[in-house]
Amino acid sequence: MLQLMSSIFLVGLFILEVALLRMLIAHHTSTTLSKIVKELSFVPEKNNLRAHKDLNFVMKSVPTRIKD
């Protein structure tokens, strides 16, 4: 009887440990994914800002007659 109770307790402990491990992995993965998404969404902004500066430079170098 005692052996049955201890084996049930150990199985329950194992299931709890697996559940906590899965939660930890899921949290770490979501944190990592959110960091990756932030970095990826930040890169186009930098590229757009550079393209905007390049466009301003081109527009300044174009003669005034053509701009109007």
Protein backbone atom coordinates (compact mmCIF):
# COMPACT_ATOMS: atom_id res chain seq x y z
CA MET A 1 0.00 0.00 0.00
CA LEU A 2 2.79 2.40 0.91
CA GLN A 3 4.62 1.54 -2.31
CA LEU A 4 1.49 2.32 -4.37
CA MET A 5 1.05 5.69 -2.66
CA SER A 6 4.70 6.61 -3.16
CA SER A 7 4.60 5.63 -6.83
CA ILE A 8 1.43 7.71 -7.35
CA PHE A 9 3.14 10.63 -5.58
CA LEU A 10 6.23 10.30 -7.78
CA VAL A 11 4.13 10.16 -10.96
CA GLY A 12 2.24 13.28 -9.86
CA LEU A 13 5.52 15.02 -9.07
CA PHE A 14 6.89 14.08 -12.49
CA ILE A 15 3.77 15.43 -14.24
CA LEU A 16 4.04 18.68 -12.26
CA GLU A 17 7.73 18.99 -13.13
CA VAL A 18 7.03 18.45 -16.85
CA ALA A 19 4.22 21.04 -16.76
CA LEU A 20 6.49 23.62 -15.09
CA LEU A 21 9.27 22.91 -17.56
CA ARG A 22 6.89 23.36 -20.50
CA MET A 23 5.67 26.67 -19.01
CA LEU A 24 9.27 27.86 -18.61
CA ILE A 25 10.14 26.91 -22.18
CA ALA A 26 6.99 28.60 -23.49
CA HIS A 27 7.76 31.79 -21.55
CA HIS A 28 11.36 31.85 -22.74
CA THR A 29 10.29 31.20 -26.34
CA SER A 30 7.68 33.96 -26.28
CA THR A 31 10.17 36.38 -24.75
CA THR A 32 12.74 35.50 -27.38
CA LEU A 33 10.16 35.80 -30.16
CA SER A 34 9.03 39.20 -28.92
CA LYS A 35 12.67 40.39 -28.90
CA ILE A 36 13.15 39.10 -32.45
CA VAL A 37 9.94 40.80 -33.61
CA LYS A 38 11.05 44.08 -31.99
CA GLU A 39 14.42 43.89 -33.72
CA LEU A 40 12.87 43.03 -37.07
CA SER A 41 10.31 45.80 -36.81
CA PHE A 42 13.04 48.27 -35.85
CA VAL A 43 15.23 47.54 -38.89
CA PRO A 44 12.72 48.74 -41.53
CA GLU A 45 12.26 51.99 -39.61
CA LYS A 46 15.99 52.63 -39.84
CA ASN A 47 15.93 51.78 -43.55
CA ASN A 48 12.95 54.05 -44.17
CA LEU A 49 14.67 56.86 -42.30
CA ARG A 50 17.78 56.42 -44.42
CA ALA A 51 15.71 56.30 -47.61
CA HIS A 52 13.95 59.48 -46.49
CA LYS A 53 17.31 61.21 -45.91
CA ASP A 54 18.57 60.00 -49.29
CA LEU A 55 15.43 61.33 -50.97
CA ASN A 56 15.88 64.72 -49.29
CA PHE A 57 19.49 64.81 -50.46
CA VAL A 58 18.42 63.99 -54.03
CA MET A 59 15.68 66.60 -53.96
CA LYS A 60 18.11 69.26 -52.72
CA SER A 61 20.56 68.45 -55.49
CA VAL A 62 17.89 68.68 -58.21
CA PRO A 63 17.74 72.10 -59.86
CA THR A 64 14.86 74.31 -58.74
CA ARG A 65 13.24 74.47 -62.19
CA ILE A 66 12.64 70.73 -62.28
CA LYS A 67 11.22 70.64 -58.75
CA ASP A 68 8.54 73.21 -59.60
